[in-house]
Amino acid sequence: ALGDETGSTRDSAVAVVAADDPIA
């Protein structure tokens, strides 16, 4: 309904992978 700007309170996660370590 709102596209990407939902402003939802539900949790989200961000995974960060080192550029020199493609498989971890």
mmCIF file of all heavy atoms, coordinates in Angstrom:
data_MODEL
# 
_entry.id   MODEL 
# 
loop_
_atom_site.group_PDB 
_atom_site.id 
_atom_site.type_symbol 
_atom_site.label_atom_id 
_atom_site.label_alt_id 
_atom_site.label_comp_id 
_atom_site.label_asym_id 
_atom_site.label_entity_id 
_atom_site.label_seq_id 
_atom_site.pdbx_PDB_ins_code 
_atom_site.Cartn_x 
_atom_site.Cartn_y 
_atom_site.Cartn_z 
_atom_site.occupancy 
_atom_site.B_iso_or_equiv 
_atom_site.pdbx_formal_charge 
_atom_site.auth_seq_id 
_atom_site.auth_comp_id 
_atom_site.auth_asym_id 
_atom_site.auth_atom_id 
_atom_site.pdbx_PDB_model_num 
ATOM 1   N N   . ALA A 1 1  ? 0.812  -1.212  0.000  1.00 0.00 ? 1  ALA A N   1 
ATOM 2   C CA  . ALA A 1 1  ? 0.000  0.000   0.000  1.00 0.00 ? 1  ALA A CA  1 
ATOM 3   C C   . ALA A 1 1  ? 0.842  1.258   0.000  1.00 0.00 ? 1  ALA A C   1 
ATOM 4   O O   . ALA A 1 1  ? 0.488  2.267   -0.619 1.00 0.00 ? 1  ALA A O   1 
ATOM 5   C CB  . ALA A 1 1  ? -0.937 0.006   1.211  1.00 0.00 ? 1  ALA A CB  1 
ATOM 6   N N   . LEU A 1 2  ? 1.994  1.205   0.687  1.00 0.00 ? 2  LEU A N   1 
ATOM 7   C CA  . LEU A 1 2  ? 2.815  2.402   0.848  1.00 0.00 ? 2  LEU A CA  1 
ATOM 8   C C   . LEU A 1 2  ? 4.136  2.342   0.091  1.00 0.00 ? 2  LEU A C   1 
ATOM 9   O O   . LEU A 1 2  ? 4.910  3.289   0.152  1.00 0.00 ? 2  LEU A O   1 
ATOM 10  C CB  . LEU A 1 2  ? 3.102  2.642   2.333  1.00 0.00 ? 2  LEU A CB  1 
ATOM 11  C CG  . LEU A 1 2  ? 1.899  3.040   3.202  1.00 0.00 ? 2  LEU A CG  1 
ATOM 12  C CD1 . LEU A 1 2  ? 2.351  3.280   4.623  1.00 0.00 ? 2  LEU A CD1 1 
ATOM 13  C CD2 . LEU A 1 2  ? 1.235  4.292   2.647  1.00 0.00 ? 2  LEU A CD2 1 
ATOM 14  N N   . GLY A 1 3  ? 4.406  1.230   -0.599 1.00 0.00 ? 3  GLY A N   1 
ATOM 15  C CA  . GLY A 1 3  ? 5.695  1.117   -1.262 1.00 0.00 ? 3  GLY A CA  1 
ATOM 16  C C   . GLY A 1 3  ? 6.777  0.856   -0.242 1.00 0.00 ? 3  GLY A C   1 
ATOM 17  O O   . GLY A 1 3  ? 6.544  0.252   0.804  1.00 0.00 ? 3  GLY A O   1 
ATOM 18  N N   . ASP A 1 4  ? 7.975  1.334   -0.475 1.00 0.00 ? 4  ASP A N   1 
ATOM 19  C CA  . ASP A 1 4  ? 9.095  1.070   0.425  1.00 0.00 ? 4  ASP A CA  1 
ATOM 20  C C   . ASP A 1 4  ? 9.028  1.898   1.706  1.00 0.00 ? 4  ASP A C   1 
ATOM 21  O O   . ASP A 1 4  ? 9.636  1.556   2.710  1.00 0.00 ? 4  ASP A O   1 
ATOM 22  C CB  . ASP A 1 4  ? 10.425 1.365   -0.285 1.00 0.00 ? 4  ASP A CB  1 
ATOM 23  C CG  . ASP A 1 4  ? 10.674 0.391   -1.428 1.00 0.00 ? 4  ASP A CG  1 
ATOM 24  O OD1 . ASP A 1 4  ? 10.157 -0.730  -1.345 1.00 0.00 ? 4  ASP A OD1 1 
ATOM 25  O OD2 . ASP A 1 4  ? 11.355 0.783   -2.384 1.00 0.00 ? 4  ASP A OD2 1 
ATOM 26  N N   . GLU A 1 5  ? 8.293  3.021   1.663  1.00 0.00 ? 5  GLU A N   1 
ATOM 27  C CA  . GLU A 1 5  ? 8.256  3.909   2.827  1.00 0.00 ? 5  GLU A CA  1 
ATOM 28  C C   . GLU A 1 5  ? 7.107  3.529   3.744  1.00 0.00 ? 5  GLU A C   1 
ATOM 29  O O   . GLU A 1 5  ? 6.149  4.266   3.936  1.00 0.00 ? 5  GLU A O   1 
ATOM 30  C CB  . GLU A 1 5  ? 8.108  5.368   2.361  1.00 0.00 ? 5  GLU A CB  1 
ATOM 31  C CG  . GLU A 1 5  ? 9.218  5.829   1.441  1.00 0.00 ? 5  GLU A CG  1 
ATOM 32  C CD  . GLU A 1 5  ? 10.568 5.740   2.127  1.00 0.00 ? 5  GLU A CD  1 
ATOM 33  O OE1 . GLU A 1 5  ? 10.648 5.982   3.344  1.00 0.00 ? 5  GLU A OE1 1 
ATOM 34  O OE2 . GLU A 1 5  ? 11.545 5.428   1.439  1.00 0.00 ? 5  GLU A OE2 1 
ATOM 35  N N   . THR A 1 6  ? 7.135  2.329   4.308  1.00 0.00 ? 6  THR A N   1 
ATOM 36  C CA  . THR A 1 6  ? 6.037  1.870   5.154  1.00 0.00 ? 6  THR A CA  1 
ATOM 37  C C   . THR A 1 6  ? 6.076  2.481   6.535  1.00 0.00 ? 6  THR A C   1 
ATOM 38  O O   . THR A 1 6  ? 5.055  2.656   7.164  1.00 0.00 ? 6  THR A O   1 
ATOM 39  C CB  . THR A 1 6  ? 6.071  0.336   5.303  1.00 0.00 ? 6  THR A CB  1 
ATOM 40  O OG1 . THR A 1 6  ? 7.266  -0.037  5.986  1.00 0.00 ? 6  THR A OG1 1 
ATOM 41  C CG2 . THR A 1 6  ? 6.037  -0.334  3.946  1.00 0.00 ? 6  THR A CG2 1 
ATOM 42  N N   . GLY A 1 7  ? 7.236  2.754   7.026  1.00 0.00 ? 7  GLY A N   1 
ATOM 43  C CA  . GLY A 1 7  ? 7.318  3.248   8.393  1.00 0.00 ? 7  GLY A CA  1 
ATOM 44  C C   . GLY A 1 7  ? 6.830  2.233   9.403  1.00 0.00 ? 7  GLY A C   1 
ATOM 45  O O   . GLY A 1 7  ? 6.431  2.572   10.505 1.00 0.00 ? 7  GLY A O   1 
ATOM 46  N N   . SER A 1 8  ? 6.846  0.962   9.048  1.00 0.00 ? 8  SER A N   1 
ATOM 47  C CA  . SER A 1 8  ? 6.341  -0.082  9.943  1.00 0.00 ? 8  SER A CA  1 
ATOM 48  C C   . SER A 1 8  ? 7.234  -0.233  11.148 1.00 0.00 ? 8  SER A C   1 
ATOM 49  O O   . SER A 1 8  ? 8.440  0.003   11.079 1.00 0.00 ? 8  SER A O   1 
ATOM 50  C CB  . SER A 1 8  ? 6.246  -1.414  9.188  1.00 0.00 ? 8  SER A CB  1 
ATOM 51  O OG  . SER A 1 8  ? 5.933  -2.464  10.067 1.00 0.00 ? 8  SER A OG  1 
ATOM 52  N N   . THR A 1 9  ? 6.623  -0.660  12.258 1.00 0.00 ? 9  THR A N   1 
ATOM 53  C CA  . THR A 1 9  ? 7.403  -0.883  13.471 1.00 0.00 ? 9  THR A CA  1 
ATOM 54  C C   . THR A 1 9  ? 8.021  -2.262  13.494 1.00 0.00 ? 9  THR A C   1 
ATOM 55  O O   . THR A 1 9  ? 8.726  -2.609  14.427 1.00 0.00 ? 9  THR A O   1 
ATOM 56  C CB  . THR A 1 9  ? 6.503  -0.727  14.709 1.00 0.00 ? 9  THR A CB  1 
ATOM 57  O OG1 . THR A 1 9  ? 5.424  -1.682  14.621 1.00 0.00 ? 9  THR A OG1 1 
ATOM 58  C CG2 . THR A 1 9  ? 5.933  0.667   14.807 1.00 0.00 ? 9  THR A CG2 1 
ATOM 59  N N   . ARG A 1 10 ? 7.740  -3.089  12.485 1.00 0.00 ? 10 ARG A N   1 
ATOM 60  C CA  . ARG A 1 10 ? 8.280  -4.447  12.492 1.00 0.00 ? 10 ARG A CA  1 
ATOM 61  C C   . ARG A 1 10 ? 9.795  -4.415  12.290 1.00 0.00 ? 10 ARG A C   1 
ATOM 62  O O   . ARG A 1 10 ? 10.338 -3.549  11.591 1.00 0.00 ? 10 ARG A O   1 
ATOM 63  C CB  . ARG A 1 10 ? 7.614  -5.284  11.398 1.00 0.00 ? 10 ARG A CB  1 
ATOM 64  C CG  . ARG A 1 10 ? 6.148  -5.578  11.733 1.00 0.00 ? 10 ARG A CG  1 
ATOM 65  C CD  . ARG A 1 10 ? 5.496  -6.415  10.639 1.00 0.00 ? 10 ARG A CD  1 
ATOM 66  N NE  . ARG A 1 10 ? 4.204  -6.908  11.070 1.00 0.00 ? 10 ARG A NE  1 
ATOM 67  C CZ  . ARG A 1 10 ? 3.077  -6.225  10.973 1.00 0.00 ? 10 ARG A CZ  1 
ATOM 68  N NH1 . ARG A 1 10 ? 3.096  -5.020  10.477 1.00 0.00 ? 10 ARG A NH1 1 
ATOM 69  N NH2 . ARG A 1 10 ? 1.936  -6.738  11.378 1.00 0.00 ? 10 ARG A NH2 1 
ATOM 70  N N   . ASP A 1 11 ? 10.460 -5.361  12.894 1.00 0.00 ? 11 ASP A N   1 
ATOM 71  C CA  . ASP A 1 11 ? 11.920 -5.388  12.877 1.00 0.00 ? 11 ASP A CA  1 
ATOM 72  C C   . ASP A 1 11 ? 12.443 -5.698  11.488 1.00 0.00 ? 11 ASP A C   1 
ATOM 73  O O   . ASP A 1 11 ? 11.822 -6.365  10.689 1.00 0.00 ? 11 ASP A O   1 
ATOM 74  C CB  . ASP A 1 11 ? 12.445 -6.449  13.849 1.00 0.00 ? 11 ASP A CB  1 
ATOM 75  C CG  . ASP A 1 11 ? 12.108 -6.090  15.288 1.00 0.00 ? 11 ASP A CG  1 
ATOM 76  O OD1 . ASP A 1 11 ? 11.944 -4.888  15.570 1.00 0.00 ? 11 ASP A OD1 1 
ATOM 77  O OD2 . ASP A 1 11 ? 12.025 -7.020  16.095 1.00 0.00 ? 11 ASP A OD2 1 
ATOM 78  N N   . SER A 1 12 ? 13.617 -5.226  11.194 1.00 0.00 ? 12 SER A N   1 
ATOM 79  C CA  . SER A 1 12 ? 14.311 -5.580  9.962  1.00 0.00 ? 12 SER A CA  1 
ATOM 80  C C   . SER A 1 12 ? 15.771 -5.813  10.298 1.00 0.00 ? 12 SER A C   1 
ATOM 81  O O   . SER A 1 12 ? 16.274 -5.339  11.310 1.00 0.00 ? 12 SER A O   1 
ATOM 82  C CB  . SER A 1 12 ? 14.171 -4.468  8.917  1.00 0.00 ? 12 SER A CB  1 
ATOM 83  O OG  . SER A 1 12 ? 14.741 -3.268  9.408  1.00 0.00 ? 12 SER A OG  1 
ATOM 84  N N   . ALA A 1 13 ? 16.444 -6.561  9.429  1.00 0.00 ? 13 ALA A N   1 
ATOM 85  C CA  . ALA A 1 13 ? 17.848 -6.884  9.699  1.00 0.00 ? 13 ALA A CA  1 
ATOM 86  C C   . ALA A 1 13 ? 18.706 -6.474  8.513  1.00 0.00 ? 13 ALA A C   1 
ATOM 87  O O   . ALA A 1 13 ? 18.276 -6.503  7.376  1.00 0.00 ? 13 ALA A O   1 
ATOM 88  C CB  . ALA A 1 13 ? 18.008 -8.381  9.959  1.00 0.00 ? 13 ALA A CB  1 
ATOM 89  N N   . VAL A 1 14 ? 19.924 -6.071  8.784  1.00 0.00 ? 14 VAL A N   1 
ATOM 90  C CA  . VAL A 1 14 ? 20.871 -5.710  7.741  1.00 0.00 ? 14 VAL A CA  1 
ATOM 91  C C   . VAL A 1 14 ? 22.093 -6.599  7.887  1.00 0.00 ? 14 VAL A C   1 
ATOM 92  O O   . VAL A 1 14 ? 22.704 -6.648  8.960  1.00 0.00 ? 14 VAL A O   1 
ATOM 93  C CB  . VAL A 1 14 ? 21.278 -4.223  7.840  1.00 0.00 ? 14 VAL A CB  1 
ATOM 94  C CG1 . VAL A 1 14 ? 22.307 -3.898  6.777  1.00 0.00 ? 14 VAL A CG1 1 
ATOM 95  C CG2 . VAL A 1 14 ? 20.063 -3.325  7.718  1.00 0.00 ? 14 VAL A CG2 1 
ATOM 96  N N   . ALA A 1 15 ? 22.410 -7.328  6.847  1.00 0.00 ? 15 ALA A N   1 
ATOM 97  C CA  . ALA A 1 15 ? 23.581 -8.203  6.880  1.00 0.00 ? 15 ALA A CA  1 
ATOM 98  C C   . ALA A 1 15 ? 24.744 -7.503  6.181  1.00 0.00 ? 15 ALA A C   1 
ATOM 99  O O   . ALA A 1 15 ? 24.601 -6.998  5.081  1.00 0.00 ? 15 ALA A O   1 
ATOM 100 C CB  . ALA A 1 15 ? 23.264 -9.525  6.182  1.00 0.00 ? 15 ALA A CB  1 
ATOM 101 N N   . VAL A 1 16 ? 25.876 -7.455  6.839  1.00 0.00 ? 16 VAL A N   1 
ATOM 102 C CA  . VAL A 1 16 ? 27.057 -6.803  6.292  1.00 0.00 ? 16 VAL A CA  1 
ATOM 103 C C   . VAL A 1 16 ? 28.118 -7.865  6.009  1.00 0.00 ? 16 VAL A C   1 
ATOM 104 O O   . VAL A 1 16 ? 28.472 -8.647  6.891  1.00 0.00 ? 16 VAL A O   1 
ATOM 105 C CB  . VAL A 1 16 ? 27.619 -5.749  7.274  1.00 0.00 ? 16 VAL A CB  1 
ATOM 106 C CG1 . VAL A 1 16 ? 28.858 -5.094  6.685  1.00 0.00 ? 16 VAL A CG1 1 
ATOM 107 C CG2 . VAL A 1 16 ? 26.550 -4.710  7.578  1.00 0.00 ? 16 VAL A CG2 1 
ATOM 108 N N   . VAL A 1 17 ? 28.603 -7.920  4.790  1.00 0.00 ? 17 VAL A N   1 
ATOM 109 C CA  . VAL A 1 17 ? 29.621 -8.885  4.396  1.00 0.00 ? 17 VAL A CA  1 
ATOM 110 C C   . VAL A 1 17 ? 30.872 -8.132  3.962  1.00 0.00 ? 17 VAL A C   1 
ATOM 111 O O   . VAL A 1 17 ? 30.795 -7.189  3.176  1.00 0.00 ? 17 VAL A O   1 
ATOM 112 C CB  . VAL A 1 17 ? 29.110 -9.779  3.237  1.00 0.00 ? 17 VAL A CB  1 
ATOM 113 C CG1 . VAL A 1 17 ? 30.188 -10.761 2.830  1.00 0.00 ? 17 VAL A CG1 1 
ATOM 114 C CG2 . VAL A 1 17 ? 27.842 -10.516 3.659  1.00 0.00 ? 17 VAL A CG2 1 
ATOM 115 N N   . ALA A 1 18 ? 31.980 -8.549  4.491  1.00 0.00 ? 18 ALA A N   1 
ATOM 116 C CA  . ALA A 1 18 ? 33.245 -7.895  4.127  1.00 0.00 ? 18 ALA A CA  1 
ATOM 117 C C   . ALA A 1 18 ? 33.519 -8.065  2.638  1.00 0.00 ? 18 ALA A C   1 
ATOM 118 O O   . ALA A 1 18 ? 33.263 -9.116  2.062  1.00 0.00 ? 18 ALA A O   1 
ATOM 119 C CB  . ALA A 1 18 ? 34.384 -8.486  4.945  1.00 0.00 ? 18 ALA A CB  1 
ATOM 120 N N   . ALA A 1 19 ? 34.032 -7.018  1.997  1.00 0.00 ? 19 ALA A N   1 
ATOM 121 C CA  . ALA A 1 19 ? 34.248 -7.042  0.556  1.00 0.00 ? 19 ALA A CA  1 
ATOM 122 C C   . ALA A 1 19 ? 35.258 -8.097  0.139  1.00 0.00 ? 19 ALA A C   1 
ATOM 123 O O   . ALA A 1 19 ? 35.196 -8.612  -0.980 1.00 0.00 ? 19 ALA A O   1 
ATOM 124 C CB  . ALA A 1 19 ? 34.711 -5.657  0.084  1.00 0.00 ? 19 ALA A CB  1 
ATOM 125 N N   . ASP A 1 20 ? 36.223 -8.426  1.017  1.00 0.00 ? 20 ASP A N   1 
ATOM 126 C CA  . ASP A 1 20 ? 37.260 -9.381  0.654  1.00 0.00 ? 20 ASP A CA  1 
ATOM 127 C C   . ASP A 1 20 ? 36.939 -10.794 1.137  1.00 0.00 ? 20 ASP A C   1 
ATOM 128 O O   . ASP A 1 20 ? 37.808 -11.657 1.151  1.00 0.00 ? 20 ASP A O   1 
ATOM 129 C CB  . ASP A 1 20 ? 38.615 -8.923  1.216  1.00 0.00 ? 20 ASP A CB  1 
ATOM 130 C CG  . ASP A 1 20 ? 38.584 -8.833  2.743  1.00 0.00 ? 20 ASP A CG  1 
ATOM 131 O OD1 . ASP A 1 20 ? 37.465 -8.841  3.303  1.00 0.00 ? 20 ASP A OD1 1 
ATOM 132 O OD2 . ASP A 1 20 ? 39.658 -8.745  3.349  1.00 0.00 ? 20 ASP A OD2 1 
ATOM 133 N N   . ASP A 1 21 ? 35.699 -11.038 1.568  1.00 0.00 ? 21 ASP A N   1 
ATOM 134 C CA  . ASP A 1 21 ? 35.330 -12.347 2.111  1.00 0.00 ? 21 ASP A CA  1 
ATOM 135 C C   . ASP A 1 21 ? 33.970 -12.748 1.540  1.00 0.00 ? 21 ASP A C   1 
ATOM 136 O O   . ASP A 1 21 ? 32.946 -12.659 2.207  1.00 0.00 ? 21 ASP A O   1 
ATOM 137 C CB  . ASP A 1 21 ? 35.273 -12.276 3.638  1.00 0.00 ? 21 ASP A CB  1 
ATOM 138 C CG  . ASP A 1 21 ? 35.274 -13.675 4.267  1.00 0.00 ? 21 ASP A CG  1 
ATOM 139 O OD1 . ASP A 1 21 ? 35.331 -14.654 3.511  1.00 0.00 ? 21 ASP A OD1 1 
ATOM 140 O OD2 . ASP A 1 21 ? 35.224 -13.760 5.505  1.00 0.00 ? 21 ASP A OD2 1 
ATOM 141 N N   . PRO A 1 22 ? 33.944 -13.171 0.265  1.00 0.00 ? 22 PRO A N   1 
ATOM 142 C CA  . PRO A 1 22 ? 32.646 -13.416 -0.390 1.00 0.00 ? 22 PRO A CA  1 
ATOM 143 C C   . PRO A 1 22 ? 31.860 -14.576 0.209  1.00 0.00 ? 22 PRO A C   1 
ATOM 144 O O   . PRO A 1 22 ? 30.647 -14.617 0.101  1.00 0.00 ? 22 PRO A O   1 
ATOM 145 C CB  . PRO A 1 22 ? 33.044 -13.715 -1.840 1.00 0.00 ? 22 PRO A CB  1 
ATOM 146 C CG  . PRO A 1 22 ? 34.459 -14.198 -1.757 1.00 0.00 ? 22 PRO A CG  1 
ATOM 147 C CD  . PRO A 1 22 ? 35.072 -13.442 -0.627 1.00 0.00 ? 22 PRO A CD  1 
ATOM 148 N N   . ILE A 1 23 ? 32.519 -15.536 0.832  1.00 0.00 ? 23 ILE A N   1 
ATOM 149 C CA  . ILE A 1 23 ? 31.830 -16.660 1.476  1.00 0.00 ? 23 ILE A CA  1 
ATOM 150 C C   . ILE A 1 23 ? 32.188 -16.651 2.950  1.00 0.00 ? 23 ILE A C   1 
ATOM 151 O O   . ILE A 1 23 ? 33.362 -16.688 3.317  1.00 0.00 ? 23 ILE A O   1 
ATOM 152 C CB  . ILE A 1 23 ? 32.239 -18.007 0.852  1.00 0.00 ? 23 ILE A CB  1 
ATOM 153 C CG1 . ILE A 1 23 ? 31.914 -18.023 -0.638 1.00 0.00 ? 23 ILE A CG1 1 
ATOM 154 C CG2 . ILE A 1 23 ? 31.539 -19.149 1.571  1.00 0.00 ? 23 ILE A CG2 1 
ATOM 155 C CD1 . ILE A 1 23 ? 30.457 -17.850 -0.980 1.00 0.00 ? 23 ILE A CD1 1 
ATOM 156 N N   . ALA A 1 24 ? 31.181 -16.590 3.803  1.00 0.00 ? 24 ALA A N   1 
ATOM 157 C CA  . ALA A 1 24 ? 31.447 -16.546 5.243  1.00 0.00 ? 24 ALA A CA  1 
ATOM 158 C C   . ALA A 1 24 ? 30.399 -17.356 5.983  1.00 0.00 ? 24 ALA A C   1 
ATOM 159 O O   . ALA A 1 24 ? 29.213 -17.274 5.676  1.00 0.00 ? 24 ALA A O   1 
ATOM 160 C CB  . ALA A 1 24 ? 31.432 -15.101 5.745  1.00 0.00 ? 24 ALA A CB  1 
# 
